[in-house]
Structure formats: C-alpha cells, structure tokens
C-alpha cells in the first residue's frame, strides 16, 4: 500500500504556505485514503482533559482542526462517537488517572459494540503521555485506536479515518517548527471571560527532573503577528482576560522580526544571568523578545487583563518588570517557580540558580512592583534530598510568602537526566510526610497574607455564580485570588443593574481564609479607573 504523497506533508508542515495547502488537501485523492474519509461526517467528539493550561490550549487546537473537518461536539461522554483524552506525563499520579479512565472507556466501547446499529466508539490518547508511552498504549490498552503526540494534532482527521479500517493509528513525531500559529483555537465553552494563548512550544532548559523537553520537543516561538491576531480576536469576542502560555514564556523570541537596530527592546538587559543565574543552553540572539510581545499585547485592549505563565527565574529582564508596573491591564502577579530551597538540590535539579540568587530576584521584583503577588512550584523528596535540604525549602516558603503554590512529591520520569544519572532514594512515605509539612507551612503563611488584605478595596473581575450558592458571586482580583461577594444589584448608568460575568467590580474585603477572600461589592468600575 502506498503512503502519503508530497502534498500531504506540505499540508501538515510548518511552511508559510501551509494554510493554502491544508485547504487543498480535502480535494486531493490519495491512494491510501479517500478525501471523503477525512471528513468527520457529523461524528460526535468528546474531549477529556488532564493536566496544565497548555493542555487546555492544545485541546482547543485539536477541536478547531476536527471542527473544520466536519466533527461536532458531544456534551456527554456516553453519547460520543470519538473520545479523545488529552494527557499529562509530568507526574506519575497524572498518568495513573489516565490509565484508570482508559479502562472505563474500554468498557464503554464494549457496551456500544453490543448495541444494534450503533456507531462504534473510537478512543484516542493525545498529548505528552501519548508521546512518552506510545507503544505501551497500543499494546496494553487494546481499546485505544489513535495515539497523537503534541505536534500531531493537524493529523487527527487522517488518523481517525485510518482507524475506520480497524487499525491503530499513531503519530507522535516531534517537530522543530510546529507552533499551530495559523490555527484559530476553538473554546470548549460557549461563553467565557478568560482564555489562553499559546505563544511557544517545547522547552530547552533540561531541568534534571522534567519530562517536558522529551514529550514536547525543542523550544520554538510563534511569530508575533499570529499571537496579536489571536489576542485581537479574543478581545472582539468579549474575552476580558488572557493568559500567555508556554513552558518558559519569558524566553520567547520571534527571530523573524528585528527592530531597525537589529535588537529587541529587552536586548539591553538580556536575562538575569548577571544576577547569579545560568543556563545549560546558549540563548538565541536578535528578534523580538517577551518584553516586546507583552508590550504589544497589552495595547490591544486596555480593558482586557493580561497574565502569563510559566516563566523561568533566569529570564526576567527589567524591561518586563517595569512594563508590568506601568500597564494597568498587566496583572501584578508573577509565577516564579522555585522548585526547592536547597542550593545543593537546586544544582542537582539543574535549575541554574542558588537559593540566594532566587531571594535576590524576589527582592528586586518587589522593589520594582510593590505589592506584587508571587506564586510558585515546589517539589519535595527529590533525589538525595535530606531533612536539612527540606528545611531550606520550608524556610524559603516562610521568607517569600507566596500567594499560591503548586506543591508535589517528586515523581521519577523516564528519559530525564535524573532517571539516567541520579538515584530516587527518598522513600515514598518520607516524600508524603514532607509534602504534608510543606502544605501546612504554605497555608499558614497564606492565611496571614489574605488576612492582611481585609479592609482593602480591590478590583475584581466577575466570573459568575459561586458553586455553593446562587446568592453569591465569585471573581478574581489582580493577584488571581478568588473573591466571594453577595449577588446584588449595583448602580450603573444611573440605574440599578444585576452584576454580570465580565464586569469589573470594586469590592471591599471584609473576611478571609487560606483559600478565598470575602467582601462587599461597592460599584461597577473599569480596569483603567481601578478600584
């Protein structure tokens, strides 16, 4: 049987003329696949999403591709003809959840097969776990029909067409240039106040514990115009908050653009390397950097909030910090992943900084942006971590006082530097004990942070009704902390009106806990006017 022709590879490449080629693909006859087979013919697809915000963004890309090929959304998993599971491979626990779900989907598939005249269910595994465990997924889970890695979402219509012939279809090839820049993501929700924009893919940092460079490939950035176009599109749709996404957003660089001087706005202060940070790879030169992108995105709509995640501490030039300080619509909230408080362990993790350098950066950020909210990631129980090392992590949590933290026990990942060169020698019970202690210290500090916000007047973006009561509304302040307040009418344009999702409300904070702030709504306002 003949394979794909040249036009198929052009259509699925990252070449500038890909959009035209992709449109032509539907009209091309292949010896191995009829053009009509690529169409979904109204088949219902359900997405089951696990993991980070990047996976949510990837799901919107995959759905955009399938929607353009005649698939429709299934609201319930039981009514779906195709179930696609977007997976995460960063921790063992995340993978365990997927294996359990695949067992359930296998039983769902068998149940559908017993029904007369029912369309058989096709099951696909997408994302990082698909790339990491492609062989195991096909051999162990016989119910899996499609396995597609993070760079293969354009190929989903073809892969789903191939499985109609009773074969498992796999495409987990990693790309050097795929950014999906020409695909407009389609949200899985009908109305939304916030959205994600993926500005880059892959990662070059090669932290010793991290699987991402092996599941998502080398770092590459989208061209800036495609990002600005997507941000404008979201603004036109009424989206009030966008988050710029990447594995290391602040190393973004569009090398296809340069200023008239050949340098980006941020080139004068390239990175934090002079402040005691280092990197295992040679940074790229020239082009437009993250400060340029943030500057341009923030100008699209002064009433649309801008956030970004996840950055690396080594890539914080002052231009980025001063831009955050100056622009009302760039949230004064920075995610600053520390991972550990022990300099010895940080070196084993290949993070590129000491505890002292990290604390110096925190102090510098707070000197430029007073009142900034800091969030972080921490891992406990990494290879050879002692009780003394762990105490350094607890002291860092107490010293910095984060507004939010993602806290996890270390989970060994195959292919990583730690898997090849280090020993995962901290017992699981010790890891879990340290996690519990880490959570307690973090929450005790967060209680103090939130309590200090009582009696403040804060600007809150309304998200909707609280899950606990329709008499309460929920929104988020500039620091991304949830704020609960009564669902009452406020005066707007000279008359009392109900508060709507997407409104900016001035709220007086009256109470707090380690999870949320509570308050009283005072008035409707704007981002530029403030609280």
Protein backbone atom coordinates (compact mmCIF):
# COMPACT_ATOMS: atom_id res chain seq x y z
CA UNK A 1 0.00 0.00 0.00
CA UNK A 2 1.34 3.43 -0.93
CA UNK A 3 1.91 6.03 1.77
CA UNK A 4 1.15 9.75 1.92
CA UNK A 5 2.09 11.89 -1.04
CA UNK A 6 4.20 15.04 -1.05
CA UNK A 7 1.12 17.28 -0.86
CA UNK A 8 0.13 15.64 2.44
CA UNK A 9 3.46 16.52 4.06
CA UNK A 10 3.31 20.09 2.73
CA UNK A 11 -0.18 20.46 4.15
CA UNK A 12 0.97 19.27 7.56
CA UNK A 13 4.24 21.16 7.67
CA UNK A 14 5.02 24.46 9.32
CA UNK A 15 5.71 26.14 5.98
CA UNK A 16 4.25 29.61 5.33
CA UNK A 17 2.00 28.26 2.55
CA UNK A 18 0.58 25.54 4.81
CA UNK A 19 -2.83 27.19 5.10
CA UNK A 20 -3.43 27.07 1.35
CA UNK A 21 -2.05 23.53 1.18
CA UNK A 22 -4.32 22.43 4.01
CA UNK A 23 -7.36 23.78 2.16
CA UNK A 24 -6.29 21.92 -0.96
CA UNK A 25 -5.80 18.67 0.97
CA UNK A 26 -9.54 17.98 1.04
CA UNK A 27 -9.59 17.96 -2.77
CA UNK A 28 -6.62 15.64 -3.17
CA UNK A 29 -7.13 11.94 -3.79
CA UNK A 30 -4.64 9.66 -2.06
CA UNK A 31 -4.06 6.01 -2.98
CA UNK A 32 -4.15 5.13 0.71
CA UNK A 33 -7.15 7.24 1.77
CA UNK A 34 -10.17 8.74 0.02
CA UNK A 35 -10.69 12.51 0.55
CA UNK A 36 -14.23 11.95 1.84
CA UNK A 37 -12.88 9.68 4.58
CA UNK A 38 -11.03 12.59 6.19
CA UNK A 39 -14.38 14.21 6.97
CA UNK A 40 -15.99 13.53 10.33
CA UNK A 41 -19.43 13.33 8.70
CA UNK A 42 -21.05 14.74 11.82
CA UNK A 43 -19.46 12.26 14.22
CA UNK A 44 -19.61 13.44 17.84
CA UNK A 45 -16.31 14.00 19.66
CA UNK A 46 -15.80 14.35 23.41
CA UNK A 47 -12.61 15.74 24.99
CA UNK A 48 -11.42 14.58 28.41
CA UNK A 49 -8.65 16.93 29.52
CA UNK A 50 -5.98 16.36 32.17
CA UNK A 51 -3.01 18.45 33.27
CA UNK A 52 -1.88 22.02 32.77
CA UNK A 53 -3.27 25.08 31.00
CA UNK A 54 -1.17 24.15 27.97
CA UNK A 55 -3.28 21.01 27.61
CA UNK A 56 -6.45 23.11 27.67
CA UNK A 57 -4.95 25.25 24.90
CA UNK A 58 -3.92 22.16 22.92
CA UNK A 59 -7.43 20.76 23.23
CA UNK A 60 -8.82 23.94 21.67
CA UNK A 61 -6.37 23.50 18.77
CA UNK A 62 -7.36 19.85 18.28
CA UNK A 63 -11.04 20.76 18.40
CA UNK A 64 -10.50 23.53 15.83
CA UNK A 65 -8.90 21.02 13.44
CA UNK A 66 -11.67 18.45 13.86
CA UNK A 67 -14.47 21.03 13.68
CA UNK A 68 -13.11 22.20 10.32
CA UNK A 69 -13.33 18.60 9.11
CA UNK A 70 -16.99 18.05 9.94
CA UNK A 71 -16.92 16.76 13.53
CA UNK A 72 -19.38 18.04 16.14
CA UNK A 73 -19.08 18.29 19.92
CA UNK A 74 -20.57 15.72 22.30
CA UNK A 75 -21.56 17.24 25.63
CA UNK A 76 -21.62 13.87 27.42
CA UNK A 77 -19.04 11.12 27.14
CA UNK A 78 -21.69 8.41 26.78
CA UNK A 79 -23.08 9.96 23.58
CA UNK A 80 -19.71 10.37 21.86
CA UNK A 81 -18.55 8.52 18.75
CA UNK A 82 -14.96 9.64 19.38
CA UNK A 83 -13.43 10.16 22.83
CA UNK A 84 -10.09 11.98 22.89
CA UNK A 85 -8.13 12.03 26.16
CA UNK A 86 -5.67 14.92 26.46
CA UNK A 87 -2.97 13.59 28.78
CA UNK A 88 -0.24 14.84 31.10
CA UNK A 89 3.03 12.97 31.74
CA UNK A 90 4.72 15.30 34.21
CA UNK A 91 3.89 13.14 37.25
CA UNK A 92 3.06 9.50 37.85
CA UNK A 93 -0.22 10.43 39.55
CA UNK A 94 -1.43 12.23 36.43
CA UNK A 95 -0.70 9.16 34.30
CA UNK A 96 -2.47 6.85 36.78
CA UNK A 97 -5.68 8.86 36.34
CA UNK A 98 -5.47 8.38 32.58
CA UNK A 99 -4.91 4.62 32.83
CA UNK A 100 -7.99 4.36 35.05
CA UNK A 101 -10.05 6.41 32.60
CA UNK A 102 -8.92 4.22 29.69
CA UNK A 103 -10.23 1.15 31.50
CA UNK A 104 -13.62 2.85 31.82
CA UNK A 105 -13.56 3.87 28.15
CA UNK A 106 -12.75 0.28 27.19
CA UNK A 107 -15.91 -0.90 28.92
CA UNK A 108 -17.88 1.91 27.26
CA UNK A 109 -16.56 0.77 23.90
CA UNK A 110 -17.64 -2.83 24.53
CA UNK A 111 -21.08 -1.67 25.64
CA UNK A 112 -21.53 0.29 22.40
CA UNK A 113 -20.47 -2.75 20.35
CA UNK A 114 -23.32 -4.77 21.89
CA UNK A 115 -25.88 -2.19 20.75
CA UNK A 116 -27.57 -2.84 17.41
CA UNK A 117 -26.95 -0.29 14.65
CA UNK A 118 -24.79 1.82 16.97
CA UNK A 119 -21.70 3.58 15.64
CA UNK A 120 -18.58 2.10 17.27
CA UNK A 121 -16.68 4.34 19.70
CA UNK A 122 -13.15 5.37 18.73
CA UNK A 123 -10.74 6.22 21.56
CA UNK A 124 -7.72 8.47 21.14
CA UNK A 125 -4.91 9.43 23.51
CA UNK A 126 -3.37 12.84 22.85
CA UNK A 127 -0.57 14.91 24.36
CA UNK A 128 2.52 14.21 26.43
CA UNK A 129 1.58 10.74 27.65
CA UNK A 130 0.87 9.72 24.06
CA UNK A 131 4.42 10.64 23.04
CA UNK A 132 6.02 9.04 26.09
CA UNK A 133 4.10 5.75 26.15
CA UNK A 134 3.01 5.23 22.54
CA UNK A 135 3.97 1.55 22.37
CA UNK A 136 2.52 0.66 25.76
CA UNK A 137 -0.73 2.45 24.96
CA UNK A 138 -1.29 0.46 21.78
CA UNK A 139 -0.14 -2.91 23.16
CA UNK A 140 -1.59 -2.75 26.68
CA UNK A 141 -4.81 -0.83 26.05
CA UNK A 142 -6.35 -2.69 23.11
CA UNK A 143 -9.29 -0.25 23.17
CA UNK A 144 -7.06 2.67 22.12
CA UNK A 145 -7.43 3.46 18.40
CA UNK A 146 -5.44 6.68 17.98
CA UNK A 147 -2.25 7.92 19.64
CA UNK A 148 -1.25 11.50 18.74
CA UNK A 149 1.59 13.49 20.25
CA UNK A 150 1.65 17.26 20.93
CA UNK A 151 2.86 18.09 17.41
CA UNK A 152 0.39 15.83 15.56
CA UNK A 153 -3.00 17.50 16.02
CA UNK A 154 -3.19 18.57 12.37
CA UNK A 155 -3.09 14.86 11.52
CA UNK A 156 -6.11 13.87 13.66
CA UNK A 157 -8.66 13.70 10.80
CA UNK A 158 -6.40 11.33 8.85
CA UNK A 159 -5.61 9.21 11.91
CA UNK A 160 -9.30 8.85 12.76
CA UNK A 161 -10.04 7.91 9.16
CA UNK A 162 -7.38 5.20 9.23
CA UNK A 163 -8.84 3.53 12.33
CA UNK A 164 -12.10 3.01 10.45
CA UNK A 165 -10.19 0.24 8.72
CA UNK A 166 -9.70 -1.49 12.08
CA UNK A 167 -6.08 -0.43 12.66
CA UNK A 168 -4.50 1.56 15.45
CA UNK A 169 -3.10 4.85 14.11
CA UNK A 170 -0.07 6.51 15.71
CA UNK A 171 1.71 9.81 15.06
CA UNK A 172 3.99 11.05 17.82
CA UNK A 173 6.70 12.71 15.75
CA UNK A 174 8.08 15.83 17.40
CA UNK A 175 8.55 18.90 15.21
CA UNK A 176 11.29 21.52 15.15
CA UNK A 177 8.93 24.26 13.96
CA UNK A 178 5.27 23.36 14.64
CA UNK A 179 3.56 26.13 16.61
CA UNK A 180 -0.02 25.87 15.20
CA UNK A 181 0.29 29.62 14.55
CA UNK A 182 -2.24 29.56 11.69
CA UNK A 183 -4.91 27.61 13.61
CA UNK A 184 -7.51 29.64 15.49
CA UNK A 185 -8.29 27.66 18.67
CA UNK A 186 -11.96 26.97 19.37
CA UNK A 187 -13.09 27.09 23.00
CA UNK A 188 -14.90 24.12 24.52
CA UNK A 189 -17.22 26.51 26.35
CA UNK A 190 -19.90 28.65 24.71
CA UNK A 191 -19.21 31.75 26.77
CA UNK A 192 -16.03 32.65 28.62
CA UNK A 193 -14.42 35.57 30.35
CA UNK A 194 -10.86 34.25 30.14
CA UNK A 195 -8.78 32.43 27.55
CA UNK A 196 -5.30 31.02 26.97
CA UNK A 197 -2.95 31.92 24.12
CA UNK A 198 -0.05 29.55 23.48
CA UNK A 199 2.91 31.72 22.44
CA UNK A 200 5.55 28.99 22.20
CA UNK A 201 6.03 25.24 22.44
CA UNK A 202 8.68 22.94 23.84
CA UNK A 203 11.49 23.71 26.28
CA UNK A 204 15.30 23.83 26.17
CA UNK A 205 16.01 24.18 29.91
CA UNK A 206 16.55 20.45 30.51
CA UNK A 207 15.92 20.52 34.27
CA UNK A 208 17.01 17.11 35.50
CA UNK A 209 13.57 16.09 36.83
CA UNK A 210 11.46 17.30 33.89
CA UNK A 211 9.99 15.20 31.07
CA UNK A 212 8.70 18.19 29.05
CA UNK A 213 11.70 18.56 26.65
CA UNK A 214 11.26 14.89 25.71
CA UNK A 215 7.46 14.97 25.27
CA UNK A 216 7.10 18.44 23.72
CA UNK A 217 10.43 18.85 21.96
CA UNK A 218 12.71 21.82 21.49
CA UNK A 219 11.65 25.35 22.26
CA UNK A 220 10.17 27.37 19.38
CA UNK A 221 8.15 30.58 19.41
CA UNK A 222 5.12 31.61 17.39
CA UNK A 223 5.50 34.65 15.16
CA UNK A 224 4.30 37.75 16.96
CA UNK A 225 1.66 38.75 14.41
CA UNK A 226 -0.24 35.47 14.81
CA UNK A 227 -0.31 35.98 18.58
CA UNK A 228 -1.53 39.56 18.26
CA UNK A 229 -4.18 38.45 15.80
CA UNK A 230 -5.46 35.80 18.20
CA UNK A 231 -5.48 38.27 21.10
CA UNK A 232 -7.45 40.78 18.99
CA UNK A 233 -9.91 38.03 18.02
CA UNK A 234 -10.47 37.12 21.67
CA UNK A 235 -10.93 40.78 22.60
CA UNK A 236 -13.51 41.18 19.82
CA UNK A 237 -15.37 38.18 21.28
CA UNK A 238 -15.63 39.90 24.65
CA UNK A 239 -12.93 37.95 26.49
CA UNK A 240 -11.79 40.01 29.49
CA UNK A 241 -8.62 38.14 30.48
CA UNK A 242 -5.97 36.28 28.50
CA UNK A 243 -3.06 34.23 29.78
CA UNK A 244 0.04 33.89 27.58
CA UNK A 245 1.20 30.28 27.80
CA UNK A 246 4.47 28.46 27.30
CA UNK A 247 6.84 26.11 29.10
CA UNK A 248 9.16 29.10 29.53
CA UNK A 249 7.26 32.16 28.29
CA UNK A 250 9.85 34.76 29.15
CA UNK A 251 12.42 33.16 26.84
CA UNK A 252 10.03 33.87 23.95
CA UNK A 253 11.81 35.15 20.86
CA UNK A 254 10.40 35.78 17.40
CA UNK A 255 13.63 35.69 15.37
CA UNK A 256 11.76 36.53 12.17
CA UNK A 257 11.39 40.11 13.40
CA UNK A 258 14.04 42.61 14.46
CA UNK A 259 13.92 46.29 15.25
CA UNK A 260 15.66 48.75 12.92
CA UNK A 261 18.70 48.44 15.18
CA UNK A 262 18.61 44.65 15.00
CA UNK A 263 17.94 44.35 18.72
CA UNK A 264 14.76 43.77 20.72
CA UNK A 265 13.53 46.13 23.40
CA UNK A 266 14.76 43.69 26.03
CA UNK A 267 18.18 43.05 24.49
CA UNK A 268 19.91 45.63 26.69
CA UNK A 269 19.20 43.51 29.77
CA UNK A 270 19.27 40.08 28.15
CA UNK A 271 18.46 37.89 31.15
CA UNK A 272 19.18 37.60 34.84
CA UNK A 273 22.42 35.74 34.12
CA UNK A 274 24.40 38.66 35.54
CA UNK A 275 22.46 38.30 38.80
CA UNK A 276 23.74 34.80 39.55
CA UNK A 277 21.66 32.73 37.12
CA UNK A 278 22.96 30.39 34.45
CA UNK A 279 21.60 28.16 31.71
CA UNK A 280 22.57 24.86 30.09
CA UNK A 281 21.84 26.15 26.58
CA UNK A 282 23.07 29.14 24.59
CA UNK A 283 20.33 31.81 24.43
CA UNK A 284 19.27 32.92 20.97
CA UNK A 285 20.20 36.39 19.78
CA UNK A 286 18.18 39.04 17.97
CA UNK A 287 14.49 39.18 17.18
CA UNK A 288 11.57 40.27 19.31
CA UNK A 289 11.55 39.05 22.90
CA UNK A 290 8.92 38.63 25.60
CA UNK A 291 9.01 42.30 26.63
CA UNK A 292 8.17 43.30 23.05
CA UNK A 293 5.30 40.80 22.90
CA UNK A 294 3.90 41.80 26.29
CA UNK A 295 4.07 45.45 25.30
CA UNK A 296 2.11 44.90 22.07
CA UNK A 297 -0.48 42.53 23.56
CA UNK A 298 -1.24 44.93 26.40
CA UNK A 299 -2.05 47.68 23.89
CA UNK A 300 -4.78 45.69 22.10
CA UNK A 301 -7.45 46.46 24.69
CA UNK A 302 -6.72 48.45 27.88
CA UNK A 303 -9.78 46.80 29.47
CA UNK A 304 -8.51 43.23 28.92
CA UNK A 305 -6.33 41.74 31.66
CA UNK A 306 -3.05 40.09 30.70
CA UNK A 307 -1.35 37.28 32.63
CA UNK A 308 1.46 34.89 31.65
CA UNK A 309 2.76 31.50 32.76
CA UNK A 310 5.06 29.76 33.22
CA UNK A 311 8.30 31.77 33.28
CA UNK A 312 11.76 30.73 34.42
CA UNK A 313 13.52 32.87 37.09
CA UNK A 314 16.60 33.28 34.88
CA UNK A 315 14.68 35.23 32.21
CA UNK A 316 13.40 38.38 33.96
CA UNK A 317 14.95 41.46 32.34
CA UNK A 318 13.97 44.75 33.96
CA UNK A 319 12.01 45.76 30.84
CA UNK A 320 9.44 43.07 31.66
CA UNK A 321 9.18 44.14 35.30
CA UNK A 322 8.76 47.84 34.50
CA UNK A 323 6.19 47.04 31.83
CA UNK A 324 4.14 45.10 34.41
CA UNK A 325 4.43 48.05 36.78
CA UNK A 326 3.36 50.63 34.20
CA UNK A 327 0.41 48.92 32.48
CA UNK A 328 -2.88 48.78 34.38
CA UNK A 329 -4.05 45.76 32.40
CA UNK A 330 -0.96 43.59 33.03
CA UNK A 331 -1.68 41.84 36.32
CA UNK A 332 0.76 42.48 39.14
CA UNK A 333 1.13 38.75 39.64
CA UNK A 334 4.19 36.69 38.71
CA UNK A 335 4.61 32.94 38.76
CA UNK A 336 8.18 32.32 39.92
CA UNK A 337 8.85 28.55 40.13
CA UNK A 338 11.42 27.83 42.83
CA UNK A 339 11.12 24.00 42.97
CA UNK A 340 13.34 23.75 46.06
CA UNK A 341 15.01 25.88 48.74
CA UNK A 342 18.29 23.97 48.96
CA UNK A 343 21.11 25.25 46.77
CA UNK A 344 22.65 21.76 46.71
CA UNK A 345 19.42 20.19 45.44
CA UNK A 346 18.79 23.05 43.02
CA UNK A 347 22.15 22.24 41.42
CA UNK A 348 21.15 18.58 41.10
CA UNK A 349 17.88 19.76 39.54
CA UNK A 350 19.91 21.86 37.06
CA UNK A 351 17.76 24.91 37.79
CA UNK A 352 20.59 27.37 37.18
CA UNK A 353 20.41 29.42 40.38
CA UNK A 354 21.15 29.31 44.09
CA UNK A 355 18.67 29.98 46.87
CA UNK A 356 20.40 33.32 47.46
CA UNK A 357 20.09 34.35 43.80
CA UNK A 358 16.41 33.44 43.84
CA UNK A 359 15.80 35.52 47.00
CA UNK A 360 17.71 38.44 45.47
CA UNK A 361 15.42 38.25 42.43
CA UNK A 362 12.32 38.22 44.68
CA UNK A 363 13.60 41.32 46.48
CA UNK A 364 14.32 43.04 43.16
CA UNK A 365 10.86 42.24 41.77
CA UNK A 366 9.20 43.60 44.90
CA UNK A 367 11.29 46.76 44.75
CA UNK A 368 10.09 47.41 41.18
CA UNK A 369 6.47 46.21 41.68
CA UNK A 370 5.37 46.92 45.26
CA UNK A 371 2.51 44.67 46.35
CA UNK A 372 3.18 42.11 43.60
CA UNK A 373 1.57 38.69 44.12
CA UNK A 374 4.04 35.80 43.77
CA UNK A 375 3.13 32.19 43.07
CA UNK A 376 5.43 29.19 42.71
CA UNK A 377 6.02 25.47 42.17
CA UNK A 378 7.78 23.21 44.69
CA UNK A 379 8.92 19.58 44.62
CA UNK A 380 9.81 17.70 47.80
CA UNK A 381 11.72 14.44 48.05
CA UNK A 382 13.97 14.91 45.02
CA UNK A 383 16.96 12.58 44.64
CA UNK A 384 19.19 12.59 47.79
CA UNK A 385 17.17 15.37 49.48
CA UNK A 386 17.97 15.32 53.21
CA UNK A 387 15.92 16.68 56.09
CA UNK A 388 18.30 19.63 56.19
CA UNK A 389 17.68 20.31 52.48
CA UNK A 390 13.95 20.13 53.07
CA UNK A 391 14.16 22.60 55.94
CA UNK A 392 15.68 25.05 53.45
CA UNK A 393 12.54 24.68 51.32
CA UNK A 394 10.32 25.38 54.32
CA UNK A 395 12.36 28.47 55.16
CA UNK A 396 12.00 29.72 51.56
CA UNK A 397 8.22 29.33 51.81
CA UNK A 398 8.26 31.34 55.03
CA UNK A 399 10.64 34.02 53.70
CA UNK A 400 8.94 34.71 50.36
CA UNK A 401 5.29 34.27 51.46
CA UNK A 402 3.59 33.14 48.26
CA UNK A 403 0.01 33.93 47.28
CA UNK A 404 -0.34 30.44 45.79
CA UNK A 405 1.84 27.35 45.33
CA UNK A 406 1.65 24.08 43.42
CA UNK A 407 3.21 21.52 45.76
CA UNK A 408 4.12 17.95 44.76
CA UNK A 409 6.21 14.98 45.87
CA UNK A 410 8.95 14.07 43.38
CA UNK A 411 7.96 11.52 40.74
CA UNK A 412 10.78 9.91 38.71
CA UNK A 413 10.25 10.24 34.94
CA UNK A 414 11.95 8.04 32.35
CA UNK A 415 14.33 9.68 29.85
CA UNK A 416 15.18 12.56 32.20
CA UNK A 417 18.69 13.34 33.43
CA UNK A 418 17.63 12.29 36.95
CA UNK A 419 16.45 8.92 35.63
CA UNK A 420 19.77 8.33 33.89
CA UNK A 421 22.24 9.79 36.40
CA UNK A 422 20.64 10.12 39.85
CA UNK A 423 19.01 7.79 42.35
CA UNK A 424 15.42 8.23 43.51
CA UNK A 425 16.36 7.29 47.07
CA UNK A 426 13.87 9.22 49.23
CA UNK A 427 11.21 6.75 50.48
CA UNK A 428 7.64 7.44 49.35
CA UNK A 429 6.39 7.76 52.93
CA UNK A 430 9.04 10.40 53.59
CA UNK A 431 8.00 12.26 50.42
CA UNK A 432 4.36 12.27 51.52
CA UNK A 433 5.27 13.41 55.03
CA UNK A 434 7.33 16.28 53.62
CA UNK A 435 4.51 17.21 51.25
CA UNK A 436 2.10 17.42 54.19
CA UNK A 437 4.51 19.62 56.15
CA UNK A 438 5.14 21.80 53.10
CA UNK A 439 1.39 22.32 52.60
CA UNK A 440 0.92 23.29 56.25
CA UNK A 441 3.70 25.89 56.16
CA UNK A 442 2.43 27.34 52.89
CA UNK A 443 -1.16 27.60 54.16
CA UNK A 444 -0.14 29.12 57.48
CA UNK A 445 1.70 31.89 55.60
CA UNK A 446 -1.16 32.33 53.14
CA UNK A 447 -3.64 32.85 55.98
CA UNK A 448 -1.52 35.83 57.08
CA UNK A 449 -1.28 37.20 53.53
CA UNK A 450 -5.04 37.03 52.99
CA UNK A 451 -5.82 38.42 56.44
CA UNK A 452 -3.67 41.47 55.66
CA UNK A 453 -5.97 42.23 52.70
CA UNK A 454 -9.04 42.73 54.91
CA UNK A 455 -10.28 46.37 54.72
CA UNK A 456 -8.67 46.81 51.29
CA UNK A 457 -10.74 47.96 48.30
CA UNK A 458 -9.90 45.66 45.38
CA UNK A 459 -10.83 45.44 41.72
CA UNK A 460 -12.41 42.06 40.91
CA UNK A 461 -13.25 40.53 37.52
CA UNK A 462 -16.58 38.72 37.93
CA UNK A 463 -16.56 35.09 36.73
CA UNK A 464 -20.08 34.00 37.68
CA UNK A 465 -22.18 32.44 40.39
CA UNK A 466 -20.47 30.69 43.28
CA UNK A 467 -20.69 26.88 43.19
CA UNK A 468 -22.00 26.87 46.75
CA UNK A 469 -24.82 29.39 46.40
CA UNK A 470 -26.55 31.41 43.69
CA UNK A 471 -26.80 34.20 46.25
CA UNK A 472 -23.03 34.65 45.98
CA UNK A 473 -20.82 35.65 43.06
CA UNK A 474 -17.17 34.76 42.54
CA UNK A 475 -14.39 36.63 40.77
CA UNK A 476 -10.63 37.09 40.90
CA UNK A 477 -8.56 40.04 41.97
CA UNK A 478 -5.37 41.26 40.30
CA UNK A 479 -3.33 38.70 42.26
CA UNK A 480 -5.57 35.88 40.93
CA UNK A 481 -7.09 35.14 44.36
CA UNK A 482 -10.77 34.17 44.38
CA UNK A 483 -13.10 36.74 45.91
CA UNK A 484 -16.65 35.85 47.06
CA UNK A 485 -19.30 38.54 47.44
CA UNK A 486 -23.13 38.88 47.53
CA UNK A 487 -25.10 38.70 44.27
CA UNK A 488 -26.76 42.10 44.48
CA UNK A 489 -27.62 44.96 42.11
CA UNK A 490 -25.29 47.93 41.69
CA UNK A 491 -25.92 51.30 40.17
CA UNK A 492 -24.70 51.53 36.60
CA UNK A 493 -25.50 54.30 34.11
CA UNK A 494 -27.90 55.85 36.60
CA UNK A 495 -29.93 52.72 37.36
CA UNK A 496 -29.70 49.56 39.45
CA UNK A 497 -28.45 46.58 37.42
CA UNK A 498 -27.50 42.99 38.17
CA UNK A 499 -23.78 42.23 38.26
CA UNK A 500 -22.79 40.25 35.16
CA UNK A 501 -19.86 37.92 34.38
CA UNK A 502 -17.14 40.05 32.82
CA UNK A 503 -17.91 43.13 34.93
CA UNK A 504 -15.13 44.79 36.87
CA UNK A 505 -16.37 45.42 40.41
CA UNK A 506 -14.83 47.36 43.27
CA UNK A 507 -15.07 45.11 46.35
CA UNK A 508 -14.33 45.96 49.98
CA UNK A 509 -12.64 42.91 51.54
CA UNK A 510 -14.25 42.01 54.87
CA UNK A 511 -13.06 38.47 55.63
CA UNK A 512 -10.51 35.88 54.52
CA UNK A 513 -9.33 32.29 54.77
CA UNK A 514 -6.41 30.33 53.31
CA UNK A 515 -8.48 29.76 50.15
CA UNK A 516 -10.55 32.86 49.41
CA UNK A 517 -11.30 36.47 50.23
CA UNK A 518 -14.83 37.66 51.02
CA UNK A 519 -16.20 41.13 50.57
CA UNK A 520 -18.97 43.60 49.77
CA UNK A 521 -19.44 44.93 46.22
CA UNK A 522 -19.31 48.74 46.12
CA UNK A 523 -19.56 49.79 42.50
CA UNK A 524 -19.03 48.83 38.88
CA UNK A 525 -15.71 50.14 37.57
CA UNK A 526 -13.08 49.67 34.84
CA UNK A 527 -9.51 48.44 34.71
CA UNK A 528 -8.22 51.91 33.92
CA UNK A 529 -10.28 53.58 36.65
CA UNK A 530 -9.25 50.98 39.21
CA UNK A 531 -10.96 50.01 42.46
